[in-house]
């Protein structure tokens, strides 16, 4: 049985359509997976380049860390009790030109796992310039102290004089307890 020319063309077109359809059904999902994997590969390569750049900076950062650690241990003020904190606040205040009206320990020291928080309340009057010097002195040269609360109001008879109430919290290391 011989196929006529028209039947051969239809048979070839049908076979071609089936082969192309099957290829599309098989290749389209694979192409999508390849695209997704390619995108993931690009992201991973970008992350790898970032990690390599970070690793290259490690010696520089280690040197900066060592410098900071050395300067911190050299400049750090160690507080044992609240009177040490009050003494340091008075020193910084005197250097800034502030005369305290009232300095007193705050509430009880708060005991944490490896350190204690020593709160102090202060009341004083100052100019803006001396207040800035005082706050800068607390931040730069006073060890582990932070200003928790600061209330500033101008004096009624002279607006250039500020009345300040400040709560300062200092950190003190606990004494090493013997472990058994």
Protein backbone atom coordinates (compact mmCIF):
# COMPACT_ATOMS: atom_id res chain seq x y z
CA UNK A 1 0.00 0.00 0.00
CA UNK A 2 1.59 3.13 -1.19
CA UNK A 3 0.89 6.48 0.36
CA UNK A 4 -0.14 9.26 -1.83
CA UNK A 5 1.82 12.48 -1.80
CA UNK A 6 -0.81 14.35 0.18
CA UNK A 7 -0.97 11.61 2.84
CA UNK A 8 2.83 11.60 3.13
CA UNK A 9 2.84 15.38 3.72
CA UNK A 10 0.09 15.05 6.35
CA UNK A 11 1.94 12.15 8.01
CA UNK A 12 5.23 14.13 8.06
CA UNK A 13 3.42 17.24 9.41
CA UNK A 14 1.71 15.15 12.11
CA UNK A 15 4.95 13.46 13.16
CA UNK A 16 6.75 16.82 13.18
CA UNK A 17 3.98 18.41 15.28
CA UNK A 18 4.06 15.52 17.76
CA UNK A 19 7.87 15.62 18.05
CA UNK A 20 7.88 19.42 18.47
CA UNK A 21 5.04 19.27 21.01
CA UNK A 22 6.80 16.59 23.05
CA UNK A 23 10.07 18.51 22.88
CA UNK A 24 8.30 21.66 24.05
CA UNK A 25 6.64 19.78 26.91
CA UNK A 26 9.99 18.32 27.96
CA UNK A 27 12.27 21.30 27.30
CA UNK A 28 10.08 24.17 28.62
CA UNK A 29 10.16 22.99 32.27
CA UNK A 30 13.88 22.23 31.96
CA UNK A 31 14.53 25.68 30.49
CA UNK A 32 12.64 27.25 33.41
CA UNK A 33 14.70 25.21 35.89
CA UNK A 34 17.90 26.19 34.09
CA UNK A 35 16.89 29.86 34.23
CA UNK A 36 16.12 29.59 37.96
CA UNK A 37 19.40 27.77 38.62
CA UNK A 38 21.30 30.34 36.55
CA UNK A 39 19.77 33.17 38.58
CA UNK A 40 20.61 31.35 41.83
CA UNK A 41 24.16 30.79 40.58
CA UNK A 42 24.56 34.50 39.81
CA UNK A 43 23.31 35.41 43.30
CA UNK A 44 25.67 32.89 44.92
CA UNK A 45 28.61 34.18 42.89
CA UNK A 46 27.78 37.73 43.98
CA UNK A 47 27.62 36.58 47.61
CA UNK A 48 30.93 34.75 47.19
CA UNK A 49 32.58 37.91 45.85
CA UNK A 50 31.24 39.85 48.85
CA UNK A 51 32.57 37.20 51.23
CA UNK A 52 35.97 37.25 49.55
CA UNK A 53 36.07 41.05 49.86
CA UNK A 54 35.16 40.75 53.55
CA UNK A 55 37.88 38.17 54.12
CA UNK A 56 40.42 40.44 52.43
CA UNK A 57 39.54 43.21 54.94
CA UNK A 58 40.08 40.93 57.94
CA UNK A 59 43.73 41.91 58.67
CA UNK A 60 42.86 45.62 58.51
CA UNK A 61 39.85 45.16 60.80
CA UNK A 62 41.85 43.03 63.22
CA UNK A 63 44.45 45.79 63.46
CA UNK A 64 41.72 48.40 64.10
CA UNK A 65 40.14 46.12 66.70
CA UNK A 66 43.47 45.65 68.47
CA UNK A 67 44.03 49.42 68.49
CA UNK A 68 40.57 50.04 69.93
CA UNK A 69 41.00 47.33 72.54
CA UNK A 70 44.38 48.71 73.54
CA UNK A 71 43.09 52.29 73.76
CA UNK A 72 40.02 51.15 75.69
CA UNK A 73 42.02 49.26 78.30
CA UNK A 74 44.43 52.18 78.60
CA UNK A 75 41.72 54.86 78.95
CA UNK A 76 39.06 52.88 80.72
CA UNK A 77 38.05 53.93 84.20
CA UNK A 78 37.12 51.08 86.49
CA UNK A 79 34.30 51.72 88.93
CA UNK A 80 34.02 49.67 92.07
CA UNK A 81 31.19 51.53 93.82
CA UNK A 82 28.92 54.53 93.45
CA UNK A 83 31.37 56.88 95.20
CA UNK A 84 33.87 56.25 92.36
CA UNK A 85 31.21 57.27 89.85
CA UNK A 86 30.37 60.41 91.83
CA UNK A 87 34.06 61.33 92.04
CA UNK A 88 34.48 60.92 88.26
CA UNK A 89 31.35 62.97 87.55
CA UNK A 90 32.65 65.76 89.80
CA UNK A 91 36.03 65.69 87.99
CA UNK A 92 34.42 65.90 84.56
CA UNK A 93 32.04 68.61 85.79
CA UNK A 94 34.89 70.68 87.24
CA UNK A 95 36.83 70.41 83.96
CA UNK A 96 33.73 71.63 82.08
CA UNK A 97 33.09 74.49 84.52
CA UNK A 98 29.98 73.03 86.14
CA UNK A 99 29.22 73.35 89.84
CA UNK A 100 26.77 70.74 91.04
CA UNK A 101 23.92 71.70 93.32
CA UNK A 102 23.15 68.09 94.15
CA UNK A 103 24.79 64.77 93.33
CA UNK A 104 23.48 61.62 94.88
CA UNK A 105 23.31 57.93 94.20
CA UNK A 106 20.18 56.90 92.34
CA UNK A 107 18.19 53.83 93.23
CA UNK A 108 20.02 50.73 94.41
CA UNK A 109 22.70 49.32 92.14
CA UNK A 110 21.27 46.77 89.72
CA UNK A 111 23.07 43.42 89.79
CA UNK A 112 23.46 41.68 86.41
CA UNK A 113 25.25 38.44 85.51
CA UNK A 114 28.76 39.83 85.05
CA UNK A 115 28.39 43.53 85.88
CA UNK A 116 26.58 46.02 88.10
CA UNK A 117 24.76 49.18 87.06
CA UNK A 118 25.47 52.13 89.35
CA UNK A 119 22.89 54.92 88.89
CA UNK A 120 23.60 58.54 89.90
CA UNK A 121 21.31 61.60 89.94
CA UNK A 122 22.76 65.11 89.48
CA UNK A 123 21.29 68.60 89.49
CA UNK A 124 23.25 71.62 88.27
CA UNK A 125 23.04 74.92 86.41
CA UNK A 126 25.26 75.67 83.44
CA UNK A 127 25.60 77.46 80.16
CA UNK A 128 25.06 75.60 76.92
CA UNK A 129 28.80 75.52 76.27
CA UNK A 130 29.69 74.03 79.65
CA UNK A 131 26.85 71.50 79.36
CA UNK A 132 28.19 70.34 75.98
CA UNK A 133 31.73 70.08 77.43
CA UNK A 134 30.39 68.07 80.37
CA UNK A 135 28.44 65.64 78.18
CA UNK A 136 31.40 65.26 75.82
CA UNK A 137 33.70 64.63 78.79
CA UNK A 138 31.33 61.95 80.09
CA UNK A 139 31.25 60.21 76.73
CA UNK A 140 34.94 60.31 75.89
CA UNK A 141 36.84 59.99 79.12
CA UNK A 142 34.73 58.40 81.75
CA UNK A 143 34.79 54.68 81.13
CA UNK A 144 31.49 52.86 80.85
CA UNK A 145 28.98 55.61 81.66
CA UNK A 146 25.83 56.55 79.81
CA UNK A 147 23.32 59.34 80.21
CA UNK A 148 19.97 57.68 80.78
CA UNK A 149 17.86 60.80 81.24
CA UNK A 150 18.53 64.51 80.77
CA UNK A 151 16.01 67.25 81.58
CA UNK A 152 16.97 70.80 80.63
CA UNK A 153 14.96 73.93 81.40
CA UNK A 154 16.05 77.56 81.09
CA UNK A 155 16.23 79.58 84.29
CA UNK A 156 13.31 82.02 84.56
CA UNK A 157 15.42 85.12 85.28
CA UNK A 158 18.22 84.34 82.76
CA UNK A 159 17.54 82.24 79.64
CA UNK A 160 21.25 81.68 78.97
CA UNK A 161 21.55 79.63 82.19
CA UNK A 162 20.16 76.11 81.98
CA UNK A 163 18.88 74.02 84.88
CA UNK A 164 19.76 70.40 84.31
CA UNK A 165 18.65 67.19 85.95
CA UNK A 166 20.62 64.22 84.71
CA UNK A 167 20.53 60.52 85.45
CA UNK A 168 23.78 58.70 84.71
CA UNK A 169 24.31 54.95 84.77
CA UNK A 170 27.81 53.52 85.08
CA UNK A 171 28.82 49.89 84.60
CA UNK A 172 31.07 48.20 87.13
CA UNK A 173 32.56 44.74 86.76
CA UNK A 174 31.65 42.26 89.43
CA UNK A 175 34.46 40.78 91.43
CA UNK A 176 35.51 37.37 90.13
CA UNK A 177 33.87 34.67 92.20
CA UNK A 178 35.76 31.47 92.71
CA UNK A 179 34.27 28.60 90.79
CA UNK A 180 34.20 25.13 92.29
